[in-house]
PDB file of N, CA and C in Angstrom:
ATOM      1  N   MET A   1      96.130  86.501 154.627  1.00  0.00           N
ATOM      2  CA  MET A   1      96.361  87.897 154.348  1.00  0.00           C
ATOM      3  C   MET A   1      95.620  88.729 155.382  1.00  0.00           C
ATOM      4  N   VAL A   2      96.252  89.696 155.951  1.00  0.00           N
ATOM      5  CA  VAL A   2      95.642  90.577 156.933  1.00  0.00           C
ATOM      6  C   VAL A   2      95.313  91.887 156.239  1.00  0.00           C
ATOM      7  N   ALA A   3      94.078  92.349 156.420  1.00  0.00           N
ATOM      8  CA  ALA A   3      93.682  93.619 155.816  1.00  0.00           C
ATOM      9  C   ALA A   3      94.350  94.763 156.564  1.00  0.00           C
ATOM     10  N   VAL A   4      94.855  95.728 155.826  1.00  0.00           N
ATOM     11  CA  VAL A   4      95.503  96.894 156.418  1.00  0.00           C
ATOM     12  C   VAL A   4      94.622  98.098 156.130  1.00  0.00           C
ATOM     13  N   TYR A   5      94.346  98.882 157.160  1.00  0.00           N
ATOM     14  CA  TYR A   5      93.459 100.017 157.012  1.00  0.00           C
ATOM     15  C   TYR A   5      94.218 101.309 157.213  1.00  0.00           C
ATOM     16  N   GLY A   6      93.912 102.290 156.381  1.00  0.00           N
ATOM     17  CA  GLY A   6      94.501 103.621 156.510  1.00  0.00           C
ATOM     18  C   GLY A   6      93.692 104.445 157.499  1.00  0.00           C
ATOM     19  N   THR A   7      93.995 105.717 157.562  1.00  0.00           N
ATOM     20  CA  THR A   7      93.317 106.594 158.512  1.00  0.00           C
ATOM     21  C   THR A   7      91.841 106.767 158.185  1.00  0.00           C
ATOM     22  N   THR A   8      91.426 106.481 156.952  1.00  0.00           N
ATOM     23  CA  THR A   8      90.014 106.596 156.579  1.00  0.00           C
ATOM     24  C   THR A   8      89.221 105.374 156.996  1.00  0.00           C
ATOM     25  N   GLY A   9      89.891 104.309 157.400  1.00  0.00           N
ATOM     26  CA  GLY A   9      89.208 103.080 157.754  1.00  0.00           C
ATOM     27  C   GLY A   9      88.908 102.199 156.552  1.00  0.00           C
ATOM     28  N   VAL A  10      89.307 102.608 155.363  1.00  0.00           N
ATOM     29  CA  VAL A  10      89.074 101.833 154.153  1.00  0.00           C
ATOM     30  C   VAL A  10      90.330 101.014 153.862  1.00  0.00           C
ATOM     31  N   ARG A  11      90.153  99.819 153.344  1.00  0.00           N
ATOM     32  CA  ARG A  11      91.299  98.970 153.026  1.00  0.00           C
ATOM     33  C   ARG A  11      92.270  99.719 152.126  1.00  0.00           C
ATOM     34  N   GLU A  12      93.524  99.779 152.539  1.00  0.00           N
ATOM     35  CA  GLU A  12      94.530 100.463 151.735  1.00  0.00           C
ATOM     36  C   GLU A  12      94.728  99.773 150.388  1.00  0.00           C
ATOM     37  N   SER A  13      94.542  98.464 150.369  1.00  0.00           N
ATOM     38  CA  SER A  13      94.722  97.755 149.107  1.00  0.00           C
ATOM     39  C   SER A  13      93.613  98.121 148.128  1.00  0.00           C
ATOM     40  N   GLY A  14      92.480  98.577 148.649  1.00  0.00           N
ATOM     41  CA  GLY A  14      91.362  98.914 147.789  1.00  0.00           C
ATOM     42  C   GLY A  14      90.727  97.701 147.125  1.00  0.00           C
ATOM     43  N   MET A  15      91.130  96.508 147.535  1.00  0.00           N
ATOM     44  CA  MET A  15      90.637  95.294 146.898  1.00  0.00           C
ATOM     45  C   MET A  15      89.351  94.821 147.564  1.00  0.00           C
ATOM     46  N   PRO A  16      88.286  94.652 146.773  1.00  0.00           N
ATOM     47  CA  PRO A  16      87.063  94.091 147.334  1.00  0.00           C
ATOM     48  C   PRO A  16      87.307  92.678 147.859  1.00  0.00           C
ATOM     49  N   LYS A  17      86.623  92.348 148.937  1.00  0.00           N
ATOM     50  CA  LYS A  17      86.740  91.042 149.594  1.00  0.00           C
ATOM     51  C   LYS A  17      85.404  90.323 149.440  1.00  0.00           C
ATOM     52  N   TYR A  18      85.473  89.012 149.216  1.00  0.00           N
ATOM     53  CA  TYR A  18      84.275  88.210 149.000  1.00  0.00           C
ATOM     54  C   TYR A  18      84.297  86.936 149.836  1.00  0.00           C
ATOM     55  N   LEU A  19      83.107  86.527 150.259  1.00  0.00           N
ATOM     56  CA  LEU A  19      82.898  85.207 150.835  1.00  0.00           C
ATOM     57  C   LEU A  19      82.347  84.333 149.724  1.00  0.00           C
ATOM     58  N   ILE A  20      83.043  83.257 149.424  1.00  0.00           N
ATOM     59  CA  ILE A  20      82.599  82.311 148.402  1.00  0.00           C
ATOM     60  C   ILE A  20      82.045  81.083 149.118  1.00  0.00           C
ATOM     61  N   GLN A  21      80.848  80.707 148.753  1.00  0.00           N
ATOM     62  CA  GLN A  21      80.241  79.475 149.247  1.00  0.00           C
ATOM     63  C   GLN A  21      80.050  78.576 148.035  1.00  0.00           C
ATOM     64  N   ALA A  22      80.510  77.336 148.138  1.00  0.00           N
ATOM     65  CA  ALA A  22      80.467  76.449 146.977  1.00  0.00           C
ATOM     66  C   ALA A  22      80.035  75.050 147.370  1.00  0.00           C
ATOM     67  N   ASN A  23      79.421  74.393 146.400  1.00  0.00           N
ATOM     68  CA  ASN A  23      79.038  72.992 146.531  1.00  0.00           C
ATOM     69  C   ASN A  23      79.575  72.243 145.325  1.00  0.00           C
ATOM     70  N   TYR A  24      80.159  71.092 145.585  1.00  0.00           N
ATOM     71  CA  TYR A  24      80.683  70.255 144.523  1.00  0.00           C
ATOM     72  C   TYR A  24      79.556  69.455 143.882  1.00  0.00           C
ATOM     73  N   THR A  25      79.590  69.328 142.565  1.00  0.00           N
ATOM     74  CA  THR A  25      78.729  68.383 141.868  1.00  0.00           C
ATOM     75  C   THR A  25      79.373  67.007 142.040  1.00  0.00           C
ATOM     76  N   ALA A  26      78.710  65.974 141.525  1.00  0.00           N
ATOM     77  CA  ALA A  26      79.302  64.628 141.592  1.00  0.00           C
ATOM     78  C   ALA A  26      80.661  64.617 140.906  1.00  0.00           C
ATOM     79  N   GLN A  27      80.750  65.276 139.757  1.00  0.00           N
ATOM     80  CA  GLN A  27      82.021  65.360 139.018  1.00  0.00           C
ATOM     81  C   GLN A  27      83.088  66.055 139.869  1.00  0.00           C
ATOM     82  N   GLY A  28      82.728  67.160 140.515  1.00  0.00           N
ATOM     83  CA  GLY A  28      83.675  67.899 141.351  1.00  0.00           C
ATOM     84  C   GLY A  28      84.119  67.104 142.564  1.00  0.00           C
ATOM     85  N   THR A  29      83.198  66.348 143.142  1.00  0.00           N
ATOM     86  CA  THR A  29      83.540  65.526 144.309  1.00  0.00           C
ATOM     87  C   THR A  29      84.536  64.435 143.921  1.00  0.00           C
ATOM     88  N   LYS A  30      84.380  63.873 142.741  1.00  0.00           N
ATOM     89  CA  LYS A  30      85.348  62.873 142.264  1.00  0.00           C
ATOM     90  C   LYS A  30      86.737  63.492 142.149  1.00  0.00           C
ATOM     91  N   GLY A  31      86.803  64.723 141.637  1.00  0.00           N
ATOM     92  CA  GLY A  31      88.086  65.421 141.547  1.00  0.00           C
ATOM     93  C   GLY A  31      88.681  65.697 142.909  1.00  0.00           C
ATOM     94  N   LEU A  32      87.837  66.096 143.865  1.00  0.00           N
ATOM     95  CA  LEU A  32      88.303  66.344 145.236  1.00  0.00           C
ATOM     96  C   LEU A  32      88.860  65.061 145.851  1.00  0.00           C
ATOM     97  N   LEU A  33      88.176  63.960 145.661  1.00  0.00           N
ATOM     98  CA  LEU A  33      88.661  62.683 146.194  1.00  0.00           C
ATOM     99  C   LEU A  33      90.006  62.299 145.572  1.00  0.00           C
ATOM    100  N   SER A  34      90.188  62.622 144.314  1.00  0.00           N
ATOM    101  CA  SER A  34      91.429  62.306 143.614  1.00  0.00           C
ATOM    102  C   SER A  34      92.586  63.212 144.041  1.00  0.00           C
ATOM    103  N   GLU A  35      92.330  64.538 144.159  1.00  0.00           N
ATOM    104  CA  GLU A  35      93.382  65.520 144.451  1.00  0.00           C
ATOM    105  C   GLU A  35      93.588  65.799 145.925  1.00  0.00           C
ATOM    106  N   GLY A  36      92.552  65.599 146.710  1.00  0.00           N
ATOM    107  CA  GLY A  36      92.618  65.964 148.122  1.00  0.00           C
ATOM    108  C   GLY A  36      92.430  67.466 148.316  1.00  0.00           C
ATOM    109  N   GLY A  37      92.304  67.858 149.560  1.00  0.00           N
ATOM    110  CA  GLY A  37      92.102  69.264 149.892  1.00  0.00           C
ATOM    111  C   GLY A  37      93.265  70.147 149.492  1.00  0.00           C
ATOM    112  N   SER A  38      94.484  69.659 149.663  1.00  0.00           N
ATOM    113  CA  SER A  38      95.665  70.460 149.301  1.00  0.00           C
ATOM    114  C   SER A  38      95.714  70.759 147.811  1.00  0.00           C
ATOM    115  N   GLY A  39      95.344  69.773 147.008  1.00  0.00           N
ATOM    116  CA  GLY A  39      95.322  69.981 145.567  1.00  0.00           C
ATOM    117  C   GLY A  39      94.281  71.013 145.162  1.00  0.00           C
ATOM    118  N   ARG A  40      93.132  70.978 145.820  1.00  0.00           N
ATOM    119  CA  ARG A  40      92.086  71.954 145.499  1.00  0.00           C
ATOM    120  C   ARG A  40      92.484  73.342 145.972  1.00  0.00           C
ATOM    121  N   ARG A  41      93.140  73.439 147.128  1.00  0.00           N
ATOM    122  CA  ARG A  41      93.598  74.763 147.589  1.00  0.00           C
ATOM    123  C   ARG A  41      94.581  75.353 146.589  1.00  0.00           C
ATOM    124  N   ALA A  42      95.502  74.551 146.113  1.00  0.00           N
ATOM    125  CA  ALA A  42      96.466  75.031 145.113  1.00  0.00           C
ATOM    126  C   ALA A  42      95.751  75.486 143.844  1.00  0.00           C
ATOM    127  N   ALA A  43      94.714  74.753 143.431  1.00  0.00           N
ATOM    128  CA  ALA A  43      93.962  75.134 142.238  1.00  0.00           C
ATOM    129  C   ALA A  43      93.218  76.449 142.455  1.00  0.00           C
ATOM    130  N   VAL A  44      92.652  76.639 143.644  1.00  0.00           N
ATOM    131  CA  VAL A  44      91.948  77.891 143.958  1.00  0.00           C
ATOM    132  C   VAL A  44      92.942  79.048 143.971  1.00  0.00           C
ATOM    133  N   GLU A  45      94.103  78.842 144.580  1.00  0.00           N
ATOM    134  CA  GLU A  45      95.120  79.901 144.603  1.00  0.00           C
ATOM    135  C   GLU A  45      95.530  80.293 143.185  1.00  0.00           C
ATOM    136  N   ARG A  46      95.656  79.293 142.295  1.00  0.00           N
ATOM    137  CA  ARG A  46      96.046  79.575 140.907  1.00  0.00           C
ATOM    138  C   ARG A  46      94.968  80.371 140.174  1.00  0.00           C
ATOM    139  N   VAL A  47      93.719  79.931 140.278  1.00  0.00           N
ATOM    140  CA  VAL A  47      92.662  80.612 139.517  1.00  0.00           C
ATOM    141  C   VAL A  47      92.425  82.020 140.056  1.00  0.00           C
ATOM    142  N   VAL A  48      92.443  82.180 141.364  1.00  0.00           N
ATOM    143  CA  VAL A  48      92.260  83.511 141.955  1.00  0.00           C
ATOM    144  C   VAL A  48      93.443  84.409 141.584  1.00  0.00           C
ATOM    145  N   GLY A  49      94.643  83.878 141.699  1.00  0.00           N
ATOM    146  CA  GLY A  49      95.846  84.643 141.364  1.00  0.00           C
ATOM    147  C   GLY A  49      95.925  85.025 139.896  1.00  0.00           C
ATOM    148  N   SER A  50      95.334  84.216 139.022  1.00  0.00           N
ATOM    149  CA  SER A  50      95.383  84.513 137.589  1.00  0.00           C
ATOM    150  C   SER A  50      94.655  85.807 137.235  1.00  0.00           C
ATOM    151  N   CYS A  51      93.785  86.258 138.116  1.00  0.00           N
ATOM    152  CA  CYS A  51      93.068  87.526 137.898  1.00  0.00           C
ATOM    153  C   CYS A  51      93.465  88.574 138.936  1.00  0.00           C
ATOM    154  N   GLY A  52      94.650  88.410 139.526  1.00  0.00           N
ATOM    155  CA  GLY A  52      95.177  89.410 140.448  1.00  0.00           C
ATOM    156  C   GLY A  52      94.653  89.328 141.860  1.00  0.00           C
ATOM    157  N   GLY A  53      93.949  88.252 142.200  1.00  0.00           N
ATOM    158  CA  GLY A  53      93.392  88.113 143.538  1.00  0.00           C
ATOM    159  C   GLY A  53      94.259  87.281 144.458  1.00  0.00           C
ATOM    160  N   THR A  54      93.840  87.208 145.719  1.00  0.00           N
ATOM    161  CA  THR A  54      94.521  86.376 146.705  1.00  0.00           C
ATOM    162  C   THR A  54      93.486  85.586 147.495  1.00  0.00           C
ATOM    163  N   LEU A  55      93.861  84.385 147.874  1.00  0.00           N
ATOM    164  CA  LEU A  55      93.036  83.534 148.725  1.00  0.00           C
ATOM    165  C   LEU A  55      93.428  83.807 150.167  1.00  0.00           C
ATOM    166  N   GLU A  56      92.507  84.353 150.945  1.00  0.00           N
ATOM    167  CA  GLU A  56      92.783  84.639 152.351  1.00  0.00           C
ATOM    168  C   GLU A  56      92.598  83.395 153.204  1.00  0.00           C
ATOM    169  N   SER A  57      91.493  82.679 152.998  1.00  0.00           N
ATOM    170  CA  SER A  57      91.252  81.459 153.761  1.00  0.00           C
ATOM    171  C   SER A  57      90.344  80.525 152.982  1.00  0.00           C
ATOM    172  N   MET A  58      90.429  79.238 153.312  1.00  0.00           N
ATOM    173  CA  MET A  58      89.642  78.216 152.623  1.00  0.00           C
ATOM    174  C   MET A  58      89.335  77.109 153.614  1.00  0.00           C
ATOM    175  N   TYR A  59      88.060  76.770 153.707  1.00  0.00           N
ATOM    176  CA  TYR A  59      87.625  75.724 154.631  1.00  0.00           C
ATOM    177  C   TYR A  59      86.637  74.798 153.947  1.00  0.00           C
ATOM    178  N   PHE A  60      86.815  73.510 154.168  1.00  0.00           N
ATOM    179  CA  PHE A  60      85.835  72.522 153.730  1.00  0.00           C
ATOM    180  C   PHE A  60      84.857  72.316 154.872  1.00  0.00           C
ATOM    181  N   ALA A  61      83.628  71.963 154.524  1.00  0.00           N
ATOM    182  CA  ALA A  61      82.599  71.736 155.534  1.00  0.00           C
ATOM    183  C   ALA A  61      81.689  70.612 155.047  1.00  0.00           C
ATOM    184  N   TYR A  62      80.828  70.166 155.901  1.00  0.00           N
ATOM    185  CA  TYR A  62      79.793  69.235 155.474  1.00  0.00           C
ATOM    186  C   TYR A  62      78.471  69.784 155.966  1.00  0.00           C
ATOM    187  N   GLY A  63      77.432  69.464 155.251  1.00  0.00           N
ATOM    188  CA  GLY A  63      76.124  70.041 155.508  1.00  0.00           C
ATOM    189  C   GLY A  63      75.615  70.660 154.226  1.00  0.00           C
ATOM    190  N   ASP A  64      75.045  71.852 154.329  1.00  0.00           N
ATOM    191  CA  ASP A  64      74.472  72.514 153.157  1.00  0.00           C
ATOM    192  C   ASP A  64      75.522  73.073 152.207  1.00  0.00           C
ATOM    193  N   THR A  65      76.704  73.383 152.696  1.00  0.00           N
ATOM    194  CA  THR A  65      77.766  73.980 151.880  1.00  0.00           C
ATOM    195  C   THR A  65      79.034  73.159 152.035  1.00  0.00           C
ATOM    196  N   ASP A  66      79.699  72.874 150.911  1.00  0.00           N
ATOM    197  CA  ASP A  66      80.914  72.052 150.922  1.00  0.00           C
ATOM    198  C   ASP A  66      82.194  72.840 151.166  1.00  0.00           C
ATOM    199  N   LEU A  67      82.192  74.124 150.751  1.00  0.00           N
ATOM    200  CA  LEU A  67      83.434  74.886 150.750  1.00  0.00           C
ATOM    201  C   LEU A  67      83.158  76.359 151.029  1.00  0.00           C
ATOM    202  N   TYR A  68      83.994  76.950 151.868  1.00  0.00           N
ATOM    203  CA  TYR A  68      83.951  78.389 152.143  1.00  0.00           C
ATOM    204  C   TYR A  68      85.332  78.962 151.869  1.00  0.00           C
ATOM    205  N   CYS A  69      85.374  80.061 151.125  1.00  0.00           N
ATOM    206  CA  CYS A  69      86.631  80.761 150.867  1.00  0.00           C
ATOM    207  C   CYS A  69      86.421  82.249 151.088  1.00  0.00           C
ATOM    208  N   ILE A  70      87.458  82.919 151.540  1.00  0.00           N
ATOM    209  CA  ILE A  70      87.478  84.379 151.556  1.00  0.00           C
ATOM    210  C   ILE A  70      88.594  84.786 150.618  1.00  0.00           C
ATOM    211  N   VAL A  71      88.226  85.602 149.625  1.00  0.00           N
ATOM    212  CA  VAL A  71      89.171  86.020 148.594  1.00  0.00           C
ATOM    213  C   VAL A  71      89.135  87.534 148.428  1.00  0.00           C
ATOM    214  N   ASP A  72      90.249  88.081 147.954  1.00  0.00           N
ATOM    215  CA  ASP A  72      90.356  89.491 147.602  1.00  0.00           C
ATOM    216  C   ASP A  72      90.622  89.556 146.110  1.00  0.00           C
ATOM    217  N   PHE A  73      89.972  90.507 145.431  1.00  0.00           N
ATOM    218  CA  PHE A  73      90.209  90.737 144.008  1.00  0.00           C
ATOM    219  C   PHE A  73      90.434  92.215 143.775  1.00  0.00           C
ATOM    220  N   PRO A  74      91.160  92.565 142.720  1.00  0.00           N
ATOM    221  CA  PRO A  74      91.415  93.979 142.463  1.00  0.00           C
ATOM    222  C   PRO A  74      90.154  94.752 142.072  1.00  0.00           C
ATOM    223  N   ASP A  75      89.137  94.042 141.559  1.00  0.00           N
ATOM    224  CA  ASP A  75      87.903  94.711 141.146  1.00  0.00           C
ATOM    225  C   ASP A  75      86.804  93.666 140.988  1.00  0.00           C
ATOM    226  N   HIS A  76      85.577  94.146 140.809  1.00  0.00           N
ATOM    227  CA  HIS A  76      84.432  93.246 140.689  1.00  0.00           C
ATOM    228  C   HIS A  76      84.468  92.431 139.403  1.00  0.00           C
ATOM    229  N   LEU A  77      85.028  92.983 138.329  1.00  0.00           N
ATOM    230  CA  LEU A  77      85.096  92.248 137.067  1.00  0.00           C
ATOM    231  C   LEU A  77      85.982  91.014 137.184  1.00  0.00           C
ATOM    232  N   SER A  78      87.066  91.123 137.945  1.00  0.00           N
ATOM    233  CA  SER A  78      87.949  89.966 138.145  1.00  0.00           C
ATOM    234  C   SER A  78      87.219  88.868 138.896  1.00  0.00           C
ATOM    235  N   MET A  79      86.438  89.243 139.911  1.00  0.00           N
ATOM    236  CA  MET A  79      85.645  88.257 140.654  1.00  0.00           C
ATOM    237  C   MET A  79      84.649  87.594 139.720  1.00  0.00           C
ATOM    238  N   ALA A  80      83.982  88.383 138.883  1.00  0.00           N
ATOM    239  CA  ALA A  80      82.997  87.840 137.951  1.00  0.00           C
ATOM    240  C   ALA A  80      83.647  86.890 136.946  1.00  0.00           C
ATOM    241  N   ALA A  81      84.822  87.248 136.451  1.00  0.00           N
ATOM    242  CA  ALA A  81      85.525  86.410 135.470  1.00  0.00           C
ATOM    243  C   ALA A  81      85.857  85.043 136.066  1.00  0.00           C
ATOM    244  N   VAL A  82      86.393  85.039 137.284  1.00  0.00           N
ATOM    245  CA  VAL A  82      86.731  83.767 137.937  1.00  0.00           C
ATOM    246  C   VAL A  82      85.463  82.966 138.202  1.00  0.00           C
ATOM    247  N   SER A  83      84.436  83.622 138.694  1.00  0.00           N
ATOM    248  CA  SER A  83      83.180  82.942 138.997  1.00  0.00           C
ATOM    249  C   SER A  83      82.606  82.254 137.762  1.00  0.00           C
ATOM    250  N   MET A  84      82.578  82.963 136.652  1.00  0.00           N
ATOM    251  CA  MET A  84      82.025  82.378 135.422  1.00  0.00           C
ATOM    252  C   MET A  84      82.854  81.197 134.935  1.00  0.00           C
ATOM    253  N   ALA A  85      84.177  81.337 134.980  1.00  0.00           N
ATOM    254  CA  ALA A  85      85.045  80.254 134.507  1.00  0.00           C
ATOM    255  C   ALA A  85      84.890  79.005 135.371  1.00  0.00           C
ATOM    256  N   VAL A  86      84.843  79.187 136.680  1.00  0.00           N
ATOM    257  CA  VAL A  86      84.729  78.051 137.597  1.00  0.00           C
ATOM    258  C   VAL A  86      83.367  77.379 137.445  1.00  0.00           C
ATOM    259  N   ARG A  87      82.319  78.179 137.410  1.00  0.00           N
ATOM    260  CA  ARG A  87      80.978  77.607 137.303  1.00  0.00           C
ATOM    261  C   ARG A  87      80.762  76.929 135.950  1.00  0.00           C
ATOM    262  N   ALA A  88      81.380  77.435 134.898  1.00  0.00           N
ATOM    263  CA  ALA A  88      81.233  76.833 133.563  1.00  0.00           C
ATOM    264  C   ALA A  88      81.822  75.430 133.504  1.00  0.00           C
ATOM    265  N   SER A  89      82.716  75.100 134.445  1.00  0.00           N
ATOM    266  CA  SER A  89      83.315  73.761 134.456  1.00  0.00           C
ATOM    267  C   SER A  89      82.293  72.688 134.783  1.00  0.00           C
ATOM    268  N   GLY A  90      81.210  73.063 135.454  1.00  0.00           N
ATOM    269  CA  GLY A  90      80.214  72.085 135.861  1.00  0.00           C
ATOM    270  C   GLY A  90      80.579  71.315 137.107  1.00  0.00           C
ATOM    271  N   ALA A  91      81.761  71.560 137.670  1.00  0.00           N
ATOM    272  CA  ALA A  91      82.218  70.825 138.852  1.00  0.00           C
ATOM    273  C   ALA A  91      81.786  71.480 140.159  1.00  0.00           C
ATOM    274  N   ILE A  92      81.393  72.753 140.072  1.00  0.00           N
ATOM    275  CA  ILE A  92      81.080  73.527 141.282  1.00  0.00           C
ATOM    276  C   ILE A  92      79.880  74.416 141.023  1.00  0.00           C
ATOM    277  N   GLU A  93      79.033  74.541 142.017  1.00  0.00           N
ATOM    278  CA  GLU A  93      77.984  75.561 142.047  1.00  0.00           C
ATOM    279  C   GLU A  93      78.375  76.494 143.179  1.00  0.00           C
ATOM    280  N   SER A  94      78.369  77.805 142.915  1.00  0.00           N
ATOM    281  CA  SER A  94      78.874  78.724 143.939  1.00  0.00           C
ATOM    282  C   SER A  94      78.105  80.025 143.950  1.00  0.00           C
ATOM    283  N   LYS A  95      78.323  80.770 145.030  1.00  0.00           N
ATOM    284  CA  LYS A  95      77.834  82.142 145.103  1.00  0.00           C
ATOM    285  C   LYS A  95      78.880  82.971 145.814  1.00  0.00           C
ATOM    286  N   ALA A  96      78.970  84.226 145.418  1.00  0.00           N
ATOM    287  CA  ALA A  96      79.941  85.156 145.994  1.00  0.00           C
ATOM    288  C   ALA A  96      79.181  86.271 146.692  1.00  0.00           C
ATOM    289  N   THR A  97      79.571  86.554 147.920  1.00  0.00           N
ATOM    290  CA  THR A  97      78.963  87.623 148.698  1.00  0.00           C
ATOM    291  C   THR A  97      80.024  88.674 148.980  1.00  0.00           C
ATOM    292  N   PRO A  98      79.815  89.926 148.528  1.00  0.00           N
ATOM    293  CA  PRO A  98      80.780  90.984 148.860  1.00  0.00           C
ATOM    294  C   PRO A  98      80.803  91.208 150.381  1.00  0.00           C
ATOM    295  N   LEU A  99      81.985  91.374 150.925  1.00  0.00           N
ATOM    296  CA  LEU A  99      82.142  91.605 152.354  1.00  0.00           C
ATOM    297  C   LEU A  99      82.574  93.045 152.600  1.00  0.00           C
ATOM    298  N   LEU A 100      81.998  93.661 153.609  1.00  0.00           N
ATOM    299  CA  LEU A 100      82.330  95.038 153.982  1.00  0.00           C
ATOM    300  C   LEU A 100      82.908  95.042 155.394  1.00  0.00           C
ATOM    301  N   THR A 101      83.881  95.892 155.618  1.00  0.00           N
ATOM    302  CA  THR A 101      84.467  96.027 156.944  1.00  0.00           C
ATOM    303  C   THR A 101      83.552  96.870 157.826  1.00  0.00           C
ATOM    304  N   VAL A 102      83.804  96.856 159.111  1.00  0.00           N
ATOM    305  CA  VAL A 102      83.077  97.704 160.048  1.00  0.00           C
ATOM    306  C   VAL A 102      83.243  99.167 159.656  1.00  0.00           C
ATOM    307  N   GLU A 103      84.463  99.527 159.275  1.00  0.00           N
ATOM    308  CA  GLU A 103      84.738 100.912 158.897  1.00  0.00           C
ATOM    309  C   GLU A 103      83.992 101.309 157.623  1.00  0.00           C
ATOM    310  N   GLU A 104      83.863 100.381 156.687  1.00  0.00           N
ATOM    311  CA  GLU A 104      83.124 100.673 155.462  1.00  0.00           C
ATOM    312  C   GLU A 104      81.639 100.874 155.756  1.00  0.00           C
ATOM    313  N   ILE A 105      81.090 100.080 156.664  1.00  0.00           N
ATOM    314  CA  ILE A 105      79.689 100.272 157.062  1.00  0.00           C
ATOM    315  C   ILE A 105      79.519 101.602 157.771  1.00  0.00           C
ATOM    316  N   ASP A 106      80.479 101.965 158.626  1.00  0.00           N
ATOM    317  CA  ASP A 106      80.420 103.279 159.282  1.00  0.00           C
ATOM    318  C   ASP A 106      80.385 104.397 158.251  1.00  0.00           C
ATOM    319  N   ALA A 107      81.228 104.304 157.212  1.00  0.00           N
ATOM    320  CA  ALA A 107      81.256 105.326 156.162  1.00  0.00           C
ATOM    321  C   ALA A 107      79.932 105.344 155.397  1.00  0.00           C
ATOM    322  N   ALA A 108      79.372 104.179 155.119  1.00  0.00           N
ATOM    323  CA  ALA A 108      78.093 104.107 154.414  1.00  0.00           C
ATOM    324  C   ALA A 108      76.972 104.710 155.257  1.00  0.00           C
ATOM    325  N   ALA A 109      77.019 104.476 156.560  1.00  0.00           N
ATOM    326  CA  ALA A 109      75.980 105.007 157.452  1.00  0.00           C
ATOM    327  C   ALA A 109      76.015 106.528 157.519  1.00  0.00           C
ATOM    328  N   ARG A 110      77.154 107.132 157.244  1.00  0.00           N
ATOM    329  CA  ARG A 110      77.287 108.592 157.275  1.00  0.00           C
ATOM    330  C   ARG A 110      76.846 109.261 155.968  1.00  0.00           C
ATOM    331  N   GLN A 111      76.624 108.484 154.927  1.00  0.00           N
ATOM    332  CA  GLN A 111      76.243 109.074 153.636  1.00  0.00           C
ATOM    333  C   GLN A 111      74.773 109.491 153.672  1.00  0.00           C
ATOM    334  N   ASP A 112      74.486 110.624 153.038  1.00  0.00           N
ATOM    335  CA  ASP A 112      73.105 111.079 152.881  1.00  0.00           C
ATOM    336  C   ASP A 112      72.469 110.282 151.749  1.00  0.00           C
ATOM    337  N   VAL A 113      71.279 109.780 152.018  1.00  0.00           N
ATOM    338  CA  VAL A 113      70.551 109.010 151.031  1.00  0.00           C
ATOM    339  C   VAL A 113      69.167 109.624 150.841  1.00  0.00           C
ATOM    340  N   ALA A 114      68.848 109.985 149.614  1.00  0.00           N
ATOM    341  CA  ALA A 114      67.546 110.580 149.306  1.00  0.00           C
ATOM    342  C   ALA A 114      66.552 109.449 149.039  1.00  0.00           C
ATOM    343  N   PHE A 115      65.822 109.058 150.071  1.00  0.00           N
ATOM    344  CA  PHE A 115      64.860 107.957 149.950  1.00  0.00           C
ATOM    345  C   PHE A 115      63.545 108.365 150.571  1.00  0.00           C
ATOM    346  N   ARG A 116      62.466 108.033 149.883  1.00  0.00           N
ATOM    347  CA  ARG A 116      61.130 108.249 150.411  1.00  0.00           C
ATOM    348  C   ARG A 116      60.419 106.911 150.315  1.00  0.00           C
ATOM    349  N   PRO A 117      59.929 106.384 151.434  1.00  0.00           N
ATOM    350  CA  PRO A 117      59.222 105.097 151.351  1.00  0.00           C
ATOM    351  C   PRO A 117      57.906 105.247 150.590  1.00  0.00           C
ATOM    352  N   PRO A 118      57.413 104.160 150.024  1.00  0.00           N
ATOM    353  CA  PRO A 118      56.148 104.229 149.313  1.00  0.00           C
ATOM    354  C   PRO A 118      55.043 104.777 150.223  1.00  0.00           C
ATOM    355  N   GLY A 119      54.293 105.715 149.706  1.00  0.00           N
ATOM    356  CA  GLY A 119      53.212 106.320 150.478  1.00  0.00           C
ATOM    357  C   GLY A 119      53.666 107.346 151.489  1.00  0.00           C
ATOM    358  N   GLY A 120      54.997 107.588 151.551  1.00  0.00           N
ATOM    359  CA  GLY A 120      55.519 108.504 152.576  1.00  0.00           C
ATOM    360  C   GLY A 120      55.752 109.887 152.097  1.00  0.00           C
TER     361      GLY A 120
END
């Protein structure tokens, strides 16, 4: 999926984007060996789609993290719902990081923030 930006630089879809990093438990690894990568991609597409999201990309890796996905969801609650359901299975340990576009950071940098550092 390619993000489309309007004249404001904000995603026209308005859908938050997340980087998912996941590690399989022993139980999850057994399932991966049984289904293969294609089977797991189909399962991720189904669970993400069940809450109105889309899977942009999915990569397996070795090292500290087993799986990386970039997903879009209509809202933060949908991301939380999928995260809780997947983690409750016991097959995966994961974390989700909200992703911001360059344009979104530019907009954030232009906002006035009333902050005083401690002692300042």
